[in-house]
PDB file of N, CA and C in Angstrom:
ATOM      1  N   MET A   1     -11.419 -26.347  -2.005  1.00  0.00           N
ATOM      2  CA  MET A   1     -11.268 -25.127  -1.245  1.00  0.00           C
ATOM      3  C   MET A   1     -11.108 -23.954  -2.210  1.00  0.00           C
ATOM      4  N   LYS A   2     -11.943 -22.956  -2.046  1.00  0.00           N
ATOM      5  CA  LYS A   2     -11.905 -21.784  -2.898  1.00  0.00           C
ATOM      6  C   LYS A   2     -11.018 -20.726  -2.229  1.00  0.00           C
ATOM      7  N   ILE A   3      -9.881 -20.426  -2.851  1.00  0.00           N
ATOM      8  CA  ILE A   3      -8.922 -19.486  -2.258  1.00  0.00           C
ATOM      9  C   ILE A   3      -9.376 -18.047  -2.456  1.00  0.00           C
ATOM     10  N   PHE A   4      -9.797 -17.710  -3.660  1.00  0.00           N
ATOM     11  CA  PHE A   4     -10.163 -16.336  -3.984  1.00  0.00           C
ATOM     12  C   PHE A   4     -11.668 -16.147  -3.842  1.00  0.00           C
ATOM     13  N   LYS A   5     -12.092 -15.794  -2.637  1.00  0.00           N
ATOM     14  CA  LYS A   5     -13.502 -15.532  -2.377  1.00  0.00           C
ATOM     15  C   LYS A   5     -13.708 -14.035  -2.235  1.00  0.00           C
ATOM     16  N   ASP A   6     -14.929 -13.589  -2.394  1.00  0.00           N
ATOM     17  CA  ASP A   6     -15.278 -12.197  -2.142  1.00  0.00           C
ATOM     18  C   ASP A   6     -15.519 -12.006  -0.652  1.00  0.00           C
ATOM     19  N   TYR A   7     -14.935 -10.968  -0.121  1.00  0.00           N
ATOM     20  CA  TYR A   7     -15.109 -10.640   1.290  1.00  0.00           C
ATOM     21  C   TYR A   7     -15.657  -9.232   1.414  1.00  0.00           C
ATOM     22  N   THR A   8     -16.447  -9.021   2.428  1.00  0.00           N
ATOM     23  CA  THR A   8     -16.930  -7.695   2.755  1.00  0.00           C
ATOM     24  C   THR A   8     -16.396  -7.340   4.145  1.00  0.00           C
ATOM     25  N   LEU A   9     -15.649  -6.256   4.206  1.00  0.00           N
ATOM     26  CA  LEU A   9     -15.060  -5.824   5.460  1.00  0.00           C
ATOM     27  C   LEU A   9     -15.744  -4.561   5.948  1.00  0.00           C
ATOM     28  N   THR A  10     -15.830  -4.432   7.256  1.00  0.00           N
ATOM     29  CA  THR A  10     -16.299  -3.172   7.824  1.00  0.00           C
ATOM     30  C   THR A  10     -15.143  -2.185   7.794  1.00  0.00           C
ATOM     31  N   TRP A  11     -15.416  -0.917   8.081  1.00  0.00           N
ATOM     32  CA  TRP A  11     -14.374   0.105   8.013  1.00  0.00           C
ATOM     33  C   TRP A  11     -13.272  -0.165   9.012  1.00  0.00           C
ATOM     34  N   TRP A  12     -13.608  -0.674  10.199  1.00  0.00           N
ATOM     35  CA  TRP A  12     -12.571  -0.902  11.203  1.00  0.00           C
ATOM     36  C   TRP A  12     -11.740  -2.134  10.863  1.00  0.00           C
ATOM     37  N   GLN A  13     -12.334  -3.135  10.202  1.00  0.00           N
ATOM     38  CA  GLN A  13     -11.569  -4.304   9.773  1.00  0.00           C
ATOM     39  C   GLN A  13     -10.586  -3.926   8.665  1.00  0.00           C
ATOM     40  N   ALA A  14     -11.038  -3.091   7.734  1.00  0.00           N
ATOM     41  CA  ALA A  14     -10.151  -2.630   6.667  1.00  0.00           C
ATOM     42  C   ALA A  14      -9.013  -1.803   7.241  1.00  0.00           C
ATOM     43  N   SER A  15      -9.301  -0.956   8.217  1.00  0.00           N
ATOM     44  CA  SER A  15      -8.260  -0.152   8.862  1.00  0.00           C
ATOM     45  C   SER A  15      -7.265  -1.032   9.591  1.00  0.00           C
ATOM     46  N   LEU A  16      -7.751  -2.046  10.272  1.00  0.00           N
ATOM     47  CA  LEU A  16      -6.872  -2.963  10.982  1.00  0.00           C
ATOM     48  C   LEU A  16      -5.991  -3.744  10.009  1.00  0.00           C
ATOM     49  N   LEU A  17      -6.538  -4.135   8.858  1.00  0.00           N
ATOM     50  CA  LEU A  17      -5.758  -4.813   7.837  1.00  0.00           C
ATOM     51  C   LEU A  17      -4.659  -3.905   7.297  1.00  0.00           C
ATOM     52  N   LYS A  18      -4.980  -2.633   7.075  1.00  0.00           N
ATOM     53  CA  LYS A  18      -3.980  -1.680   6.596  1.00  0.00           C
ATOM     54  C   LYS A  18      -2.866  -1.488   7.612  1.00  0.00           C
ATOM     55  N   VAL A  19      -3.214  -1.370   8.885  1.00  0.00           N
ATOM     56  CA  VAL A  19      -2.198  -1.228   9.936  1.00  0.00           C
ATOM     57  C   VAL A  19      -1.313  -2.467   9.979  1.00  0.00           C
ATOM     58  N   CYS A  20      -1.909  -3.629   9.849  1.00  0.00           N
ATOM     59  CA  CYS A  20      -1.154  -4.886   9.843  1.00  0.00           C
ATOM     60  C   CYS A  20      -0.166  -4.923   8.684  1.00  0.00           C
ATOM     61  N   LEU A  21      -0.613  -4.567   7.483  1.00  0.00           N
ATOM     62  CA  LEU A  21       0.253  -4.629   6.316  1.00  0.00           C
ATOM     63  C   LEU A  21       1.328  -3.550   6.348  1.00  0.00           C
ATOM     64  N   ILE A  22       1.001  -2.369   6.861  1.00  0.00           N
ATOM     65  CA  ILE A  22       2.015  -1.320   7.007  1.00  0.00           C
ATOM     66  C   ILE A  22       3.072  -1.758   8.011  1.00  0.00           C
ATOM     67  N   SER A  23       2.646  -2.375   9.104  1.00  0.00           N
ATOM     68  CA  SER A  23       3.594  -2.875  10.101  1.00  0.00           C
ATOM     69  C   SER A  23       4.502  -3.942   9.503  1.00  0.00           C
ATOM     70  N   LEU A  24       3.937  -4.839   8.712  1.00  0.00           N
ATOM     71  CA  LEU A  24       4.731  -5.866   8.053  1.00  0.00           C
ATOM     72  C   LEU A  24       5.755  -5.233   7.117  1.00  0.00           C
ATOM     73  N   GLY A  25       5.338  -4.254   6.363  1.00  0.00           N
ATOM     74  CA  GLY A  25       6.262  -3.565   5.456  1.00  0.00           C
ATOM     75  C   GLY A  25       7.393  -2.872   6.196  1.00  0.00           C
ATOM     76  N   MET A  26       7.071  -2.260   7.326  1.00  0.00           N
ATOM     77  CA  MET A  26       8.107  -1.598   8.120  1.00  0.00           C
ATOM     78  C   MET A  26       9.079  -2.619   8.703  1.00  0.00           C
ATOM     79  N   LEU A  27       8.562  -3.732   9.184  1.00  0.00           N
ATOM     80  CA  LEU A  27       9.437  -4.768   9.738  1.00  0.00           C
ATOM     81  C   LEU A  27      10.359  -5.358   8.670  1.00  0.00           C
ATOM     82  N   ILE A  28       9.819  -5.603   7.502  1.00  0.00           N
ATOM     83  CA  ILE A  28      10.644  -6.132   6.411  1.00  0.00           C
ATOM     84  C   ILE A  28      11.689  -5.099   6.006  1.00  0.00           C
ATOM     85  N   GLY A  29      11.287  -3.821   5.956  1.00  0.00           N
ATOM     86  CA  GLY A  29      12.223  -2.757   5.610  1.00  0.00           C
ATOM     87  C   GLY A  29      13.347  -2.618   6.624  1.00  0.00           C
ATOM     88  N   ILE A  30      13.032  -2.781   7.899  1.00  0.00           N
ATOM     89  CA  ILE A  30      14.065  -2.713   8.938  1.00  0.00           C
ATOM     90  C   ILE A  30      14.998  -3.918   8.838  1.00  0.00           C
ATOM     91  N   TYR A  31      14.443  -5.076   8.619  1.00  0.00           N
ATOM     92  CA  TYR A  31      15.238  -6.301   8.557  1.00  0.00           C
ATOM     93  C   TYR A  31      16.184  -6.295   7.359  1.00  0.00           C
ATOM     94  N   PHE A  32      15.690  -5.852   6.207  1.00  0.00           N
ATOM     95  CA  PHE A  32      16.499  -5.813   4.989  1.00  0.00           C
ATOM     96  C   PHE A  32      16.905  -4.377   4.649  1.00  0.00           C
ATOM     97  N   TYR A  33      17.350  -3.621   5.645  1.00  0.00           N
ATOM     98  CA  TYR A  33      17.623  -2.192   5.481  1.00  0.00           C
ATOM     99  C   TYR A  33      18.631  -1.930   4.366  1.00  0.00           C
ATOM    100  N   ASN A  34      19.741  -2.631   4.352  1.00  0.00           N
ATOM    101  CA  ASN A  34      20.795  -2.362   3.363  1.00  0.00           C
ATOM    102  C   ASN A  34      20.310  -2.605   1.939  1.00  0.00           C
ATOM    103  N   PHE A  35      19.461  -3.583   1.752  1.00  0.00           N
ATOM    104  CA  PHE A  35      18.911  -3.850   0.416  1.00  0.00           C
ATOM    105  C   PHE A  35      17.880  -2.789   0.031  1.00  0.00           C
ATOM    106  N   VAL A  36      17.017  -2.442   0.978  1.00  0.00           N
ATOM    107  CA  VAL A  36      15.922  -1.502   0.706  1.00  0.00           C
ATOM    108  C   VAL A  36      16.459  -0.095   0.446  1.00  0.00           C
ATOM    109  N   VAL A  37      17.449   0.340   1.213  1.00  0.00           N
ATOM    110  CA  VAL A  37      17.967   1.697   1.052  1.00  0.00           C
ATOM    111  C   VAL A  37      18.673   1.861  -0.302  1.00  0.00           C
ATOM    112  N   GLY A  38      19.179   0.769  -0.859  1.00  0.00           N
ATOM    113  CA  GLY A  38      19.793   0.839  -2.179  1.00  0.00           C
ATOM    114  C   GLY A  38      18.784   1.061  -3.289  1.00  0.00           C
ATOM    115  N   LEU A  39      17.523   0.778  -3.012  1.00  0.00           N
ATOM    116  CA  LEU A  39      16.460   0.953  -4.004  1.00  0.00           C
ATOM    117  C   LEU A  39      15.549   2.122  -3.665  1.00  0.00           C
ATOM    118  N   ILE A  40      16.053   3.114  -2.951  1.00  0.00           N
ATOM    119  CA  ILE A  40      15.217   4.242  -2.517  1.00  0.00           C
ATOM    120  C   ILE A  40      14.597   4.981  -3.701  1.00  0.00           C
ATOM    121  N   TRP A  41      15.296   5.036  -4.814  1.00  0.00           N
ATOM    122  CA  TRP A  41      14.757   5.690  -6.002  1.00  0.00           C
ATOM    123  C   TRP A  41      13.499   4.976  -6.490  1.00  0.00           C
ATOM    124  N   LEU A  42      13.483   3.651  -6.389  1.00  0.00           N
ATOM    125  CA  LEU A  42      12.313   2.883  -6.815  1.00  0.00           C
ATOM    126  C   LEU A  42      11.109   3.186  -5.941  1.00  0.00           C
ATOM    127  N   TRP A  43      11.315   3.285  -4.633  1.00  0.00           N
ATOM    128  CA  TRP A  43      10.205   3.575  -3.717  1.00  0.00           C
ATOM    129  C   TRP A  43       9.639   4.959  -3.971  1.00  0.00           C
ATOM    130  N   TRP A  44      10.511   5.942  -4.270  1.00  0.00           N
ATOM    131  CA  TRP A  44      10.027   7.289  -4.588  1.00  0.00           C
ATOM    132  C   TRP A  44       9.208   7.283  -5.877  1.00  0.00           C
ATOM    133  N   ILE A  45       9.675   6.565  -6.877  1.00  0.00           N
ATOM    134  CA  ILE A  45       8.933   6.502  -8.151  1.00  0.00           C
ATOM    135  C   ILE A  45       7.571   5.850  -7.945  1.00  0.00           C
ATOM    136  N   LEU A  46       7.510   4.745  -7.202  1.00  0.00           N
ATOM    137  CA  LEU A  46       6.232   4.096  -6.912  1.00  0.00           C
ATOM    138  C   LEU A  46       5.298   5.027  -6.151  1.00  0.00           C
ATOM    139  N   PHE A  47       5.841   5.754  -5.182  1.00  0.00           N
ATOM    140  CA  PHE A  47       5.033   6.694  -4.410  1.00  0.00           C
ATOM    141  C   PHE A  47       4.469   7.802  -5.302  1.00  0.00           C
ATOM    142  N   ILE A  48       5.300   8.371  -6.141  1.00  0.00           N
ATOM    143  CA  ILE A  48       4.864   9.475  -7.003  1.00  0.00           C
ATOM    144  C   ILE A  48       3.827   8.999  -8.015  1.00  0.00           C
ATOM    145  N   ILE A  49       4.049   7.871  -8.646  1.00  0.00           N
ATOM    146  CA  ILE A  49       3.111   7.359  -9.657  1.00  0.00           C
ATOM    147  C   ILE A  49       1.761   7.025  -9.029  1.00  0.00           C
ATOM    148  N   THR A  50       1.773   6.316  -7.901  1.00  0.00           N
ATOM    149  CA  THR A  50       0.484   5.976  -7.276  1.00  0.00           C
ATOM    150  C   THR A  50      -0.198   7.211  -6.713  1.00  0.00           C
ATOM    151  N   GLY A  51       0.573   8.156  -6.215  1.00  0.00           N
ATOM    152  CA  GLY A  51      -0.016   9.405  -5.727  1.00  0.00           C
ATOM    153  C   GLY A  51      -0.697  10.181  -6.843  1.00  0.00           C
ATOM    154  N   ILE A  52      -0.029  10.303  -7.983  1.00  0.00           N
ATOM    155  CA  ILE A  52      -0.620  10.996  -9.134  1.00  0.00           C
ATOM    156  C   ILE A  52      -1.870  10.262  -9.610  1.00  0.00           C
ATOM    157  N   TYR A  53      -1.814   8.939  -9.653  1.00  0.00           N
ATOM    158  CA  TYR A  53      -2.974   8.161 -10.076  1.00  0.00           C
ATOM    159  C   TYR A  53      -4.183   8.460  -9.194  1.00  0.00           C
ATOM    160  N   PHE A  54      -4.006   8.428  -7.871  1.00  0.00           N
ATOM    161  CA  PHE A  54      -5.142   8.656  -6.982  1.00  0.00           C
ATOM    162  C   PHE A  54      -5.611  10.103  -6.996  1.00  0.00           C
ATOM    163  N   ILE A  55      -4.719  11.044  -7.188  1.00  0.00           N
ATOM    164  CA  ILE A  55      -5.140  12.447  -7.314  1.00  0.00           C
ATOM    165  C   ILE A  55      -6.006  12.612  -8.552  1.00  0.00           C
ATOM    166  N   ILE A  56      -5.571  12.068  -9.677  1.00  0.00           N
ATOM    167  CA  ILE A  56      -6.359  12.147 -10.912  1.00  0.00           C
ATOM    168  C   ILE A  56      -7.696  11.435 -10.745  1.00  0.00           C
ATOM    169  N   TYR A  57      -7.676  10.268 -10.118  1.00  0.00           N
ATOM    170  CA  TYR A  57      -8.907   9.512  -9.893  1.00  0.00           C
ATOM    171  C   TYR A  57      -9.890  10.280  -9.030  1.00  0.00           C
ATOM    172  N   LEU A  58      -9.414  10.861  -7.948  1.00  0.00           N
ATOM    173  CA  LEU A  58     -10.307  11.595  -7.035  1.00  0.00           C
ATOM    174  C   LEU A  58     -10.833  12.876  -7.679  1.00  0.00           C
ATOM    175  N   LEU A  59     -10.003  13.561  -8.462  1.00  0.00           N
ATOM    176  CA  LEU A  59     -10.466  14.776  -9.121  1.00  0.00           C
ATOM    177  C   LEU A  59     -11.438  14.487 -10.254  1.00  0.00           C
ATOM    178  N   SER A  60     -11.247  13.390 -10.976  1.00  0.00           N
ATOM    179  CA  SER A  60     -12.138  13.079 -12.092  1.00  0.00           C
ATOM    180  C   SER A  60     -13.444  12.458 -11.618  1.00  0.00           C
ATOM    181  N   SER A  61     -13.501  11.895 -10.417  1.00  0.00           N
ATOM    182  CA  SER A  61     -14.737  11.288  -9.950  1.00  0.00           C
ATOM    183  C   SER A  61     -15.724  12.329  -9.422  1.00  0.00           C
ATOM    184  N   ASN A  62     -15.275  13.561  -9.230  1.00  0.00           N
ATOM    185  CA  ASN A  62     -16.162  14.625  -8.757  1.00  0.00           C
ATOM    186  C   ASN A  62     -16.989  15.237  -9.866  1.00  0.00           C
ATOM    187  N   GLU A  63     -16.712  14.925 -11.096  1.00  0.00           N
ATOM    188  CA  GLU A  63     -17.426  15.531 -12.225  1.00  0.00           C
ATOM    189  C   GLU A  63     -18.779  14.921 -12.427  1.00  0.00           C
TER     190      GLU A  63
END
């Protein structure tokens, strides 16, 4: 059985996958609220770093 296969998703399948994973993240965050809120600084740092990365990527791909 090959676990890591290449898949091609349509735009609506990719959107549905994103909604599913965001929902899972929210549920886990609600369930483990006391643990997650103690690491709020980590979530902000991850958000800022990935945001800067994608801004740089999108601006440099227009050249």
